[in-house]
Amino acid sequence: MNQRIFKNPNVKDKVTFLKTAAETNGEYTLLEVELAPGGGNPLHYHLTYAETFTPVTGNLGVQLGNQTRLLKPGEAFTVLPKLVHRFYNPGAHPITFLTELRPASIGFEKFIKILYGLASDGLTTEKGIPKNWFYAALITSLGDTHGVGVLRLTKPVIELVAFGARKAGLEEKLLKKYARHNL
């Protein structure tokens, strides 16, 4: 198995690490994402890094707050930290796009490896959410990914549960199982 490619069988997408934090001295993380028709993620935000989305094949929908943009191959759009956003595939065919995180996020890299590993092991829901609340809180914290609306109110609870999960050694256990190979 290629240790740079991670597939999520539930949401039918694939992430390939093109450049990692270690390879760019922390400057950026570069991912290639293959997204199934209708695929995408819910509204969220990050505190520590910006994301730049650039479609390679197909059109990519990006929602920033209440506004949406349809990006064509080669067009780039950057979402700054703290801005509520999501991405999605509006078409009937798989699309491929690049996502660049600046500065690099080792935590997000771990988030992908663990989440997709859990999904491959049948430990997530059909929407890709870990069934184990401790795992969910831990990877949410690692990825610096924060929910919006009512979910924003759960942030302190998620951080507390993630802290407990770390104290119990769950982060080390999950990293050993799903992120044991450095890129």
N, C-alpha and C. Protein backbone atom coordinates (compact mmCIF):
# COMPACT_ATOMS: atom_id res chain seq x y z
N MET A 1 0.84 -1.19 0.00
CA MET A 1 0.00 0.00 0.00
C MET A 1 0.87 1.25 0.00
N ASN A 2 0.52 2.20 -0.84
CA ASN A 2 1.25 3.46 -0.89
C ASN A 2 0.98 4.25 0.37
N GLN A 3 2.02 4.63 1.07
CA GLN A 3 1.88 5.30 2.35
C GLN A 3 1.61 6.80 2.22
N ARG A 4 1.43 7.26 0.99
CA ARG A 4 1.08 8.65 0.76
C ARG A 4 -0.39 8.79 0.36
N ILE A 5 -1.06 7.68 0.09
CA ILE A 5 -2.44 7.69 -0.38
C ILE A 5 -3.34 7.10 0.69
N PHE A 6 -4.42 7.84 1.00
CA PHE A 6 -5.37 7.41 2.02
C PHE A 6 -6.77 7.49 1.43
N LYS A 7 -7.50 6.36 1.52
CA LYS A 7 -8.85 6.30 0.95
C LYS A 7 -9.87 6.15 2.07
N ASN A 8 -10.99 6.82 1.88
CA ASN A 8 -12.10 6.71 2.82
C ASN A 8 -13.24 5.98 2.12
N PRO A 9 -13.47 4.70 2.49
CA PRO A 9 -14.49 3.91 1.79
C PRO A 9 -15.92 4.39 2.04
N ASN A 10 -16.14 5.13 3.11
CA ASN A 10 -17.50 5.60 3.42
C ASN A 10 -17.90 6.79 2.58
N VAL A 11 -17.04 7.77 2.49
CA VAL A 11 -17.38 8.99 1.74
C VAL A 11 -16.81 8.96 0.33
N LYS A 12 -16.11 7.87 0.01
CA LYS A 12 -15.62 7.62 -1.35
C LYS A 12 -14.66 8.69 -1.86
N ASP A 13 -13.76 9.14 -1.00
CA ASP A 13 -12.74 10.06 -1.49
C ASP A 13 -11.36 9.52 -1.19
N LYS A 14 -10.36 10.18 -1.78
CA LYS A 14 -8.98 9.75 -1.66
C LYS A 14 -8.11 10.99 -1.48
N VAL A 15 -7.17 10.90 -0.55
CA VAL A 15 -6.23 12.00 -0.30
C VAL A 15 -4.82 11.47 -0.54
N THR A 16 -4.06 12.21 -1.35
CA THR A 16 -2.65 11.87 -1.59
C THR A 16 -1.80 13.01 -1.06
N PHE A 17 -0.84 12.67 -0.21
CA PHE A 17 0.09 13.66 0.31
C PHE A 17 1.15 13.92 -0.75
N LEU A 18 1.17 15.13 -1.30
CA LEU A 18 2.17 15.51 -2.29
C LEU A 18 3.39 16.11 -1.61
N LYS A 19 3.16 16.94 -0.61
CA LYS A 19 4.23 17.55 0.19
C LYS A 19 3.75 17.62 1.63
N THR A 20 4.59 17.20 2.54
CA THR A 20 4.23 17.22 3.96
C THR A 20 4.98 18.34 4.69
N ALA A 21 4.58 18.57 5.92
CA ALA A 21 5.25 19.57 6.75
C ALA A 21 6.74 19.28 6.84
N ALA A 22 7.07 18.00 7.02
CA ALA A 22 8.49 17.61 7.14
C ALA A 22 9.26 17.93 5.86
N GLU A 23 8.61 17.78 4.72
CA GLU A 23 9.28 18.00 3.43
C GLU A 23 9.40 19.47 3.06
N THR A 24 8.61 20.33 3.70
CA THR A 24 8.63 21.76 3.36
C THR A 24 9.12 22.61 4.53
N ASN A 25 9.74 21.96 5.52
CA ASN A 25 10.20 22.67 6.72
C ASN A 25 9.08 23.47 7.39
N GLY A 26 7.87 22.91 7.35
CA GLY A 26 6.74 23.55 8.00
C GLY A 26 6.10 24.68 7.23
N GLU A 27 6.57 24.93 6.02
CA GLU A 27 6.03 26.03 5.23
C GLU A 27 4.60 25.74 4.75
N TYR A 28 4.38 24.52 4.24
CA TYR A 28 3.04 24.17 3.76
C TYR A 28 2.88 22.65 3.70
N THR A 29 1.62 22.23 3.66
CA THR A 29 1.23 20.86 3.39
C THR A 29 0.45 20.91 2.08
N LEU A 30 0.75 20.00 1.14
CA LEU A 30 0.06 19.99 -0.14
C LEU A 30 -0.58 18.62 -0.34
N LEU A 31 -1.89 18.63 -0.55
CA LEU A 31 -2.67 17.41 -0.73
C LEU A 31 -3.37 17.42 -2.08
N GLU A 32 -3.52 16.24 -2.66
CA GLU A 32 -4.38 16.08 -3.82
C GLU A 32 -5.59 15.28 -3.35
N VAL A 33 -6.78 15.79 -3.62
CA VAL A 33 -8.01 15.15 -3.16
C VAL A 33 -8.83 14.72 -4.37
N GLU A 34 -9.26 13.47 -4.35
CA GLU A 34 -10.22 12.99 -5.34
C GLU A 34 -11.56 12.88 -4.63
N LEU A 35 -12.55 13.60 -5.13
CA LEU A 35 -13.83 13.72 -4.44
C LEU A 35 -14.95 13.15 -5.31
N ALA A 36 -15.73 12.26 -4.71
CA ALA A 36 -16.84 11.60 -5.41
C ALA A 36 -17.96 12.61 -5.71
N PRO A 37 -18.82 12.29 -6.68
CA PRO A 37 -19.98 13.15 -6.95
C PRO A 37 -20.81 13.35 -5.68
N GLY A 38 -21.17 14.59 -5.41
CA GLY A 38 -21.94 14.90 -4.21
C GLY A 38 -21.13 14.93 -2.94
N GLY A 39 -19.85 14.59 -3.03
CA GLY A 39 -18.98 14.57 -1.84
C GLY A 39 -18.60 15.96 -1.39
N GLY A 40 -18.11 16.02 -0.18
CA GLY A 40 -17.67 17.29 0.39
C GLY A 40 -17.68 17.20 1.89
N ASN A 41 -17.56 18.33 2.53
CA ASN A 41 -17.55 18.35 4.00
C ASN A 41 -18.51 19.41 4.52
N PRO A 42 -18.85 19.34 5.81
CA PRO A 42 -19.74 20.35 6.39
C PRO A 42 -18.99 21.66 6.65
N LEU A 43 -19.74 22.71 6.88
CA LEU A 43 -19.14 23.99 7.23
C LEU A 43 -18.27 23.84 8.48
N HIS A 44 -17.11 24.47 8.45
CA HIS A 44 -16.16 24.40 9.55
C HIS A 44 -15.16 25.56 9.41
N TYR A 45 -14.24 25.64 10.36
CA TYR A 45 -13.17 26.63 10.26
C TYR A 45 -11.93 26.09 10.95
N HIS A 46 -10.79 26.72 10.65
CA HIS A 46 -9.50 26.37 11.25
C HIS A 46 -8.93 27.65 11.86
N LEU A 47 -8.20 27.51 12.94
CA LEU A 47 -7.62 28.68 13.60
C LEU A 47 -6.18 28.95 13.18
N THR A 48 -5.46 27.91 12.76
CA THR A 48 -4.01 28.05 12.62
C THR A 48 -3.46 28.01 11.20
N TYR A 49 -4.29 27.75 10.23
CA TYR A 49 -3.77 27.69 8.86
C TYR A 49 -4.83 28.12 7.85
N ALA A 50 -4.33 28.62 6.71
CA ALA A 50 -5.17 28.97 5.57
C ALA A 50 -5.19 27.78 4.62
N GLU A 51 -6.27 27.66 3.83
CA GLU A 51 -6.38 26.60 2.83
C GLU A 51 -6.58 27.24 1.46
N THR A 52 -5.81 26.78 0.49
CA THR A 52 -5.99 27.21 -0.89
C THR A 52 -6.45 26.01 -1.69
N PHE A 53 -7.58 26.17 -2.37
CA PHE A 53 -8.18 25.11 -3.18
C PHE A 53 -7.95 25.42 -4.66
N THR A 54 -7.46 24.42 -5.40
CA THR A 54 -7.24 24.58 -6.84
C THR A 54 -7.71 23.32 -7.55
N PRO A 55 -8.83 23.37 -8.29
CA PRO A 55 -9.27 22.20 -9.04
C PRO A 55 -8.27 21.81 -10.13
N VAL A 56 -8.11 20.50 -10.31
CA VAL A 56 -7.27 19.96 -11.38
C VAL A 56 -8.16 19.42 -12.49
N THR A 57 -9.14 18.60 -12.10
CA THR A 57 -10.13 18.09 -13.06
C THR A 57 -11.52 18.31 -12.48
N GLY A 58 -12.44 18.81 -13.27
CA GLY A 58 -13.79 19.07 -12.80
C GLY A 58 -13.88 20.39 -12.06
N ASN A 59 -15.10 20.78 -11.76
CA ASN A 59 -15.36 22.02 -11.03
C ASN A 59 -15.51 21.73 -9.55
N LEU A 60 -14.98 22.61 -8.72
CA LEU A 60 -15.05 22.47 -7.27
C LEU A 60 -15.89 23.59 -6.69
N GLY A 61 -16.88 23.23 -5.89
CA GLY A 61 -17.66 24.22 -5.17
C GLY A 61 -16.99 24.55 -3.86
N VAL A 62 -16.89 25.83 -3.55
CA VAL A 62 -16.36 26.29 -2.26
C VAL A 62 -17.36 27.26 -1.68
N GLN A 63 -17.78 27.00 -0.47
CA GLN A 63 -18.68 27.91 0.24
C GLN A 63 -17.87 28.64 1.30
N LEU A 64 -17.97 29.94 1.33
CA LEU A 64 -17.32 30.78 2.32
C LEU A 64 -18.43 31.59 2.97
N GLY A 65 -18.75 31.25 4.21
CA GLY A 65 -19.89 31.88 4.86
C GLY A 65 -21.16 31.52 4.12
N ASN A 66 -21.91 32.54 3.67
CA ASN A 66 -23.14 32.31 2.93
C ASN A 66 -22.96 32.38 1.42
N GLN A 67 -21.75 32.62 0.96
CA GLN A 67 -21.49 32.75 -0.47
C GLN A 67 -20.80 31.51 -1.02
N THR A 68 -21.17 31.13 -2.24
CA THR A 68 -20.53 29.99 -2.88
C THR A 68 -19.83 30.43 -4.16
N ARG A 69 -18.77 29.70 -4.48
CA ARG A 69 -18.02 29.94 -5.71
C ARG A 69 -17.83 28.60 -6.39
N LEU A 70 -17.88 28.60 -7.69
CA LEU A 70 -17.60 27.42 -8.47
C LEU A 70 -16.25 27.64 -9.15
N LEU A 71 -15.25 26.87 -8.74
CA LEU A 71 -13.90 27.01 -9.28
C LEU A 71 -13.71 26.04 -10.44
N LYS A 72 -13.14 26.54 -11.51
CA LYS A 72 -12.81 25.72 -12.68
C LYS A 72 -11.34 25.30 -12.57
N PRO A 73 -10.94 24.24 -13.28
CA PRO A 73 -9.55 23.80 -13.21
C PRO A 73 -8.57 24.95 -13.43
N GLY A 74 -7.58 25.01 -12.53
CA GLY A 74 -6.55 26.05 -12.60
C GLY A 74 -6.86 27.28 -11.78
N GLU A 75 -8.14 27.52 -11.44
CA GLU A 75 -8.48 28.67 -10.58
C GLU A 75 -8.17 28.31 -9.13
N ALA A 76 -7.69 29.27 -8.39
CA ALA A 76 -7.36 29.04 -6.98
C ALA A 76 -8.18 29.96 -6.09
N PHE A 77 -8.50 29.47 -4.92
CA PHE A 77 -9.25 30.28 -3.95
C PHE A 77 -8.71 29.96 -2.57
N THR A 78 -8.35 31.01 -1.82
CA THR A 78 -7.77 30.84 -0.49
C THR A 78 -8.77 31.23 0.58
N VAL A 79 -8.89 30.36 1.59
CA VAL A 79 -9.72 30.62 2.76
C VAL A 79 -8.77 30.88 3.93
N LEU A 80 -8.85 32.06 4.49
CA LEU A 80 -7.98 32.44 5.60
C LEU A 80 -8.44 31.78 6.90
N PRO A 81 -7.53 31.70 7.89
CA PRO A 81 -7.92 31.13 9.19
C PRO A 81 -9.14 31.86 9.77
N LYS A 82 -9.93 31.12 10.52
CA LYS A 82 -11.10 31.60 11.25
C LYS A 82 -12.32 31.85 10.38
N LEU A 83 -12.22 31.64 9.06
CA LEU A 83 -13.37 31.86 8.18
C LEU A 83 -14.12 30.54 7.96
N VAL A 84 -15.42 30.59 8.11
CA VAL A 84 -16.27 29.42 7.95
C VAL A 84 -16.36 29.05 6.47
N HIS A 85 -16.11 27.78 6.18
CA HIS A 85 -16.08 27.34 4.79
C HIS A 85 -16.35 25.84 4.67
N ARG A 86 -16.52 25.42 3.44
CA ARG A 86 -16.59 24.00 3.09
C ARG A 86 -16.30 23.86 1.61
N PHE A 87 -16.00 22.64 1.19
CA PHE A 87 -15.83 22.36 -0.23
C PHE A 87 -16.75 21.21 -0.61
N TYR A 88 -17.08 21.13 -1.91
CA TYR A 88 -17.97 20.06 -2.35
C TYR A 88 -17.86 19.85 -3.85
N ASN A 89 -18.27 18.66 -4.28
CA ASN A 89 -18.31 18.32 -5.70
C ASN A 89 -19.74 18.50 -6.18
N PRO A 90 -20.00 19.52 -7.00
CA PRO A 90 -21.37 19.77 -7.46
C PRO A 90 -21.77 18.94 -8.68
N GLY A 91 -20.83 18.17 -9.21
CA GLY A 91 -21.09 17.48 -10.47
C GLY A 91 -21.45 16.00 -10.31
N ALA A 92 -21.59 15.35 -11.45
CA ALA A 92 -22.00 13.94 -11.51
C ALA A 92 -20.80 13.01 -11.69
N HIS A 93 -19.58 13.56 -11.73
CA HIS A 93 -18.38 12.76 -11.92
C HIS A 93 -17.36 13.10 -10.84
N PRO A 94 -16.45 12.18 -10.52
CA PRO A 94 -15.39 12.50 -9.55
C PRO A 94 -14.57 13.69 -10.03
N ILE A 95 -14.07 14.45 -9.10
CA ILE A 95 -13.19 15.57 -9.41
C ILE A 95 -11.90 15.41 -8.62
N THR A 96 -10.87 16.13 -9.06
CA THR A 96 -9.59 16.14 -8.35
C THR A 96 -9.21 17.59 -8.12
N PHE A 97 -8.73 17.88 -6.91
CA PHE A 97 -8.27 19.24 -6.62
C PHE A 97 -7.11 19.19 -5.66
N LEU A 98 -6.36 20.28 -5.63
CA LEU A 98 -5.25 20.44 -4.69
C LEU A 98 -5.71 21.28 -3.52
N THR A 99 -5.20 20.93 -2.36
CA THR A 99 -5.43 21.74 -1.16
C THR A 99 -4.07 22.02 -0.54
N GLU A 100 -3.77 23.29 -0.38
CA GLU A 100 -2.51 23.68 0.25
C GLU A 100 -2.82 24.33 1.59
N LEU A 101 -2.21 23.84 2.65
CA LEU A 101 -2.35 24.41 3.98
C LEU A 101 -1.11 25.23 4.28
N ARG A 102 -1.31 26.50 4.68
CA ARG A 102 -0.19 27.39 5.04
C ARG A 102 -0.48 28.07 6.35
N PRO A 103 0.42 27.96 7.31
CA PRO A 103 1.59 27.10 7.31
C PRO A 103 1.18 25.63 7.34
N ALA A 104 2.16 24.76 7.19
CA ALA A 104 1.89 23.33 7.21
C ALA A 104 1.20 22.94 8.51
N SER A 105 0.45 21.85 8.45
CA SER A 105 -0.23 21.38 9.65
C SER A 105 0.03 19.88 9.85
N ILE A 106 0.97 19.58 10.73
CA ILE A 106 1.24 18.19 11.08
C ILE A 106 0.00 17.57 11.69
N GLY A 107 -0.73 18.35 12.48
CA GLY A 107 -1.96 17.85 13.10
C GLY A 107 -2.99 17.44 12.07
N PHE A 108 -3.14 18.23 11.00
CA PHE A 108 -4.09 17.88 9.95
C PHE A 108 -3.62 16.63 9.22
N GLU A 109 -2.32 16.51 9.01
CA GLU A 109 -1.78 15.32 8.37
C GLU A 109 -2.12 14.07 9.20
N LYS A 110 -1.97 14.17 10.51
CA LYS A 110 -2.34 13.06 11.41
C LYS A 110 -3.84 12.81 11.37
N PHE A 111 -4.63 13.88 11.32
CA PHE A 111 -6.09 13.80 11.25
C PHE A 111 -6.52 12.93 10.07
N ILE A 112 -5.95 13.20 8.88
CA ILE A 112 -6.31 12.44 7.68
C ILE A 112 -5.93 10.97 7.85
N LYS A 113 -4.71 10.72 8.27
CA LYS A 113 -4.24 9.34 8.41
C LYS A 113 -5.11 8.54 9.38
N ILE A 114 -5.41 9.13 10.52
CA ILE A 114 -6.21 8.42 11.52
C ILE A 114 -7.65 8.26 11.06
N LEU A 115 -8.27 9.34 10.58
CA LEU A 115 -9.67 9.28 10.18
C LEU A 115 -9.88 8.26 9.05
N TYR A 116 -9.02 8.29 8.04
CA TYR A 116 -9.19 7.36 6.93
C TYR A 116 -8.86 5.93 7.34
N GLY A 117 -7.93 5.77 8.29
CA GLY A 117 -7.65 4.45 8.83
C GLY A 117 -8.83 3.89 9.59
N LEU A 118 -9.45 4.73 10.42
CA LEU A 118 -10.65 4.31 11.16
C LEU A 118 -11.76 3.93 10.18
N ALA A 119 -11.94 4.72 9.13
CA ALA A 119 -12.97 4.43 8.14
C ALA A 119 -12.71 3.09 7.46
N SER A 120 -11.46 2.84 7.11
CA SER A 120 -11.10 1.57 6.46
C SER A 120 -11.34 0.38 7.38
N ASP A 121 -11.25 0.60 8.67
CA ASP A 121 -11.48 -0.47 9.65
C ASP A 121 -12.95 -0.57 10.08
N GLY A 122 -13.82 0.23 9.45
CA GLY A 122 -15.25 0.18 9.78
C GLY A 122 -15.61 0.86 11.09
N LEU A 123 -14.75 1.78 11.54
CA LEU A 123 -14.97 2.43 12.83
C LEU A 123 -15.52 3.85 12.71
N THR A 124 -16.09 4.16 11.53
CA THR A 124 -16.76 5.45 11.35
C THR A 124 -18.16 5.20 10.81
N THR A 125 -19.00 6.22 10.91
CA THR A 125 -20.35 6.13 10.35
C THR A 125 -20.27 6.24 8.84
N GLU A 126 -21.40 6.06 8.17
CA GLU A 126 -21.41 6.18 6.71
C GLU A 126 -21.06 7.59 6.25
N LYS A 127 -21.17 8.57 7.15
CA LYS A 127 -20.78 9.95 6.82
C LYS A 127 -19.32 10.22 7.17
N GLY A 128 -18.63 9.20 7.69
CA GLY A 128 -17.20 9.34 7.97
C GLY A 128 -16.86 9.84 9.36
N ILE A 129 -17.81 9.87 10.26
CA ILE A 129 -17.56 10.36 11.62
C ILE A 129 -17.18 9.18 12.51
N PRO A 130 -16.08 9.29 13.27
CA PRO A 130 -15.71 8.18 14.15
C PRO A 130 -16.85 7.82 15.11
N LYS A 131 -17.09 6.52 15.26
CA LYS A 131 -18.14 6.04 16.15
C LYS A 131 -17.74 6.23 17.61
N ASN A 132 -16.46 6.20 17.89
CA ASN A 132 -15.94 6.39 19.24
C ASN A 132 -15.78 7.89 19.50
N TRP A 133 -16.49 8.39 20.51
CA TRP A 133 -16.49 9.82 20.82
C TRP A 133 -15.09 10.33 21.17
N PHE A 134 -14.28 9.51 21.85
CA PHE A 134 -12.92 9.92 22.20
C PHE A 134 -12.07 10.08 20.94
N TYR A 135 -12.21 9.16 19.99
CA TYR A 135 -11.48 9.26 18.73
C TYR A 135 -11.92 10.51 17.97
N ALA A 136 -13.22 10.74 17.92
CA ALA A 136 -13.75 11.90 17.20
C ALA A 136 -13.20 13.21 17.78
N ALA A 137 -13.23 13.34 19.10
CA ALA A 137 -12.74 14.55 19.73
C ALA A 137 -11.24 14.72 19.50
N LEU A 138 -10.51 13.64 19.61
CA LEU A 138 -9.06 13.69 19.45
C LEU A 138 -8.67 14.13 18.05
N ILE A 139 -9.26 13.53 17.02
CA ILE A 139 -8.84 13.91 15.67
C ILE A 139 -9.35 15.30 15.28
N THR A 140 -10.50 15.68 15.82
CA THR A 140 -10.99 17.04 15.59
C THR A 140 -10.00 18.05 16.14
N SER A 141 -9.50 17.77 17.32
CA SER A 141 -8.50 18.63 17.94
C SER A 141 -7.19 18.63 17.15
N LEU A 142 -6.73 17.45 16.76
CA LEU A 142 -5.50 17.35 15.97
C LEU A 142 -5.58 18.16 14.69
N GLY A 143 -6.71 18.06 13.99
CA GLY A 143 -6.87 18.71 12.69
C GLY A 143 -7.22 20.18 12.76
N ASP A 144 -7.34 20.72 13.98
CA ASP A 144 -7.73 22.13 14.13
C ASP A 144 -8.97 22.42 13.27
N THR A 145 -9.95 21.52 13.41
CA THR A 145 -11.19 21.63 12.65
C THR A 145 -12.32 21.87 13.63
N HIS A 146 -13.04 22.97 13.44
CA HIS A 146 -14.06 23.39 14.39
C HIS A 146 -15.41 23.54 13.71
N GLY A 147 -16.43 22.99 14.36
CA GLY A 147 -17.79 23.07 13.83
C GLY A 147 -18.38 24.46 13.98
N VAL A 148 -19.49 24.67 13.30
CA VAL A 148 -20.18 25.96 13.36
C VAL A 148 -21.59 25.76 13.89
N GLY A 149 -22.29 26.87 14.11
CA GLY A 149 -23.65 26.81 14.63
C GLY A 149 -23.66 26.20 16.02
N VAL A 150 -24.57 25.30 16.25
CA VAL A 150 -24.68 24.64 17.56
C VAL A 150 -23.40 23.89 17.90
N LEU A 151 -22.74 23.34 16.89
CA LEU A 151 -21.50 22.60 17.13
C LEU A 151 -20.40 23.47 17.73
N ARG A 152 -20.46 24.78 17.46
CA ARG A 152 -19.46 25.69 18.02
C ARG A 152 -19.51 25.65 19.56
N LEU A 153 -20.70 25.41 20.08
CA LEU A 153 -20.87 25.35 21.54
C LEU A 153 -20.20 24.13 22.15
N THR A 154 -19.93 23.11 21.34
CA THR A 154 -19.32 21.89 21.86
C THR A 154 -17.80 21.97 21.91
N LYS A 155 -17.21 23.03 21.38
CA LYS A 155 -15.74 23.15 21.31
C LYS A 155 -15.06 22.91 22.66
N PRO A 156 -15.51 23.52 23.76
CA PRO A 156 -14.84 23.25 25.04
C PRO A 156 -14.95 21.79 25.47
N VAL A 157 -16.08 21.17 25.19
CA VAL A 157 -16.26 19.76 25.55
C VAL A 157 -15.34 18.88 24.70
N ILE A 158 -15.27 19.19 23.41
CA ILE A 158 -14.40 18.42 22.51
C ILE A 158 -12.95 18.52 22.98
N GLU A 159 -12.51 19.70 23.33
CA GLU A 159 -11.12 19.88 23.79
C GLU A 159 -10.88 19.13 25.10
N LEU A 160 -11.86 19.13 25.99
CA LEU A 160 -11.72 18.40 27.26
C LEU A 160 -11.65 16.90 27.02
N VAL A 161 -12.51 16.39 26.15
CA VAL A 161 -12.51 14.96 25.83
C VAL A 161 -11.20 14.59 25.12
N ALA A 162 -10.73 15.45 24.21
CA ALA A 162 -9.47 15.20 23.52
C ALA A 162 -8.30 15.17 24.52
N PHE A 163 -8.32 16.06 25.48
CA PHE A 163 -7.29 16.07 26.52
C PHE A 163 -7.30 14.75 27.28
N GLY A 164 -8.49 14.29 27.66
CA GLY A 164 -8.61 13.01 28.36
C GLY A 164 -8.14 11.85 27.50
N ALA A 165 -8.45 11.89 26.21
CA ALA A 165 -8.01 10.83 25.29
C ALA A 165 -6.49 10.79 25.20
N ARG A 166 -5.87 11.97 25.17
CA ARG A 166 -4.40 12.03 25.13
C ARG A 166 -3.82 11.47 26.42
N LYS A 167 -4.39 11.87 27.55
CA LYS A 167 -3.91 11.39 28.85
C LYS A 167 -4.02 9.87 28.95
N ALA A 168 -5.05 9.31 28.31
CA ALA A 168 -5.27 7.85 28.34
C ALA A 168 -4.41 7.12 27.31
N GLY A 169 -3.63 7.86 26.53
CA GLY A 169 -2.74 7.24 25.55
C GLY A 169 -3.38 6.91 24.22
N LEU A 170 -4.61 7.42 23.97
CA LEU A 170 -5.29 7.09 22.72
C LEU A 170 -4.63 7.72 21.49
N GLU A 171 -4.09 8.92 21.65
CA GLU A 171 -3.44 9.55 20.50
C GLU A 171 -2.25 8.71 20.07
N GLU A 172 -1.43 8.30 21.01
CA GLU A 172 -0.27 7.47 20.70
C GLU A 172 -0.70 6.14 20.07
N LYS A 173 -1.75 5.54 20.59
CA LYS A 173 -2.26 4.27 20.06
C LYS A 173 -2.73 4.44 18.61
N LEU A 174 -3.50 5.48 18.34
CA LEU A 174 -4.02 5.71 16.99
C LEU A 174 -2.90 6.07 16.01
N LEU A 175 -1.95 6.88 16.46
CA LEU A 175 -0.82 7.23 15.59
C LEU A 175 0.02 6.01 15.27
N LYS A 176 0.21 5.15 16.26
CA LYS A 176 1.00 3.93 16.04
C LYS A 176 0.32 3.04 15.01
N LYS A 177 -1.00 2.94 15.07
CA LYS A 177 -1.73 2.07 14.16
C LYS A 177 -1.89 2.66 12.77
N TYR A 178 -2.23 3.96 12.69
CA TYR A 178 -2.62 4.55 11.41
C TYR A 178 -1.60 5.52 10.80
N ALA A 179 -0.67 5.99 11.59
CA ALA A 179 0.29 6.99 11.08
C ALA A 179 1.71 6.58 11.44
N ARG A 180 1.92 5.28 11.49
CA ARG A 180 3.22 4.76 11.94
C ARG A 180 4.36 5.09 10.98
N HIS A 181 4.03 5.30 9.73
CA HIS A 181 5.08 5.58 8.74
C HIS A 181 5.12 7.08 8.48
N ASN A 182 6.25 7.66 8.73
CA ASN A 182 6.40 9.08 8.40
C ASN A 182 6.54 9.23 6.90
N LEU A 183 5.95 10.30 6.37
CA LEU A 183 6.03 10.55 4.92
C LEU A 183 7.34 11.25 4.59
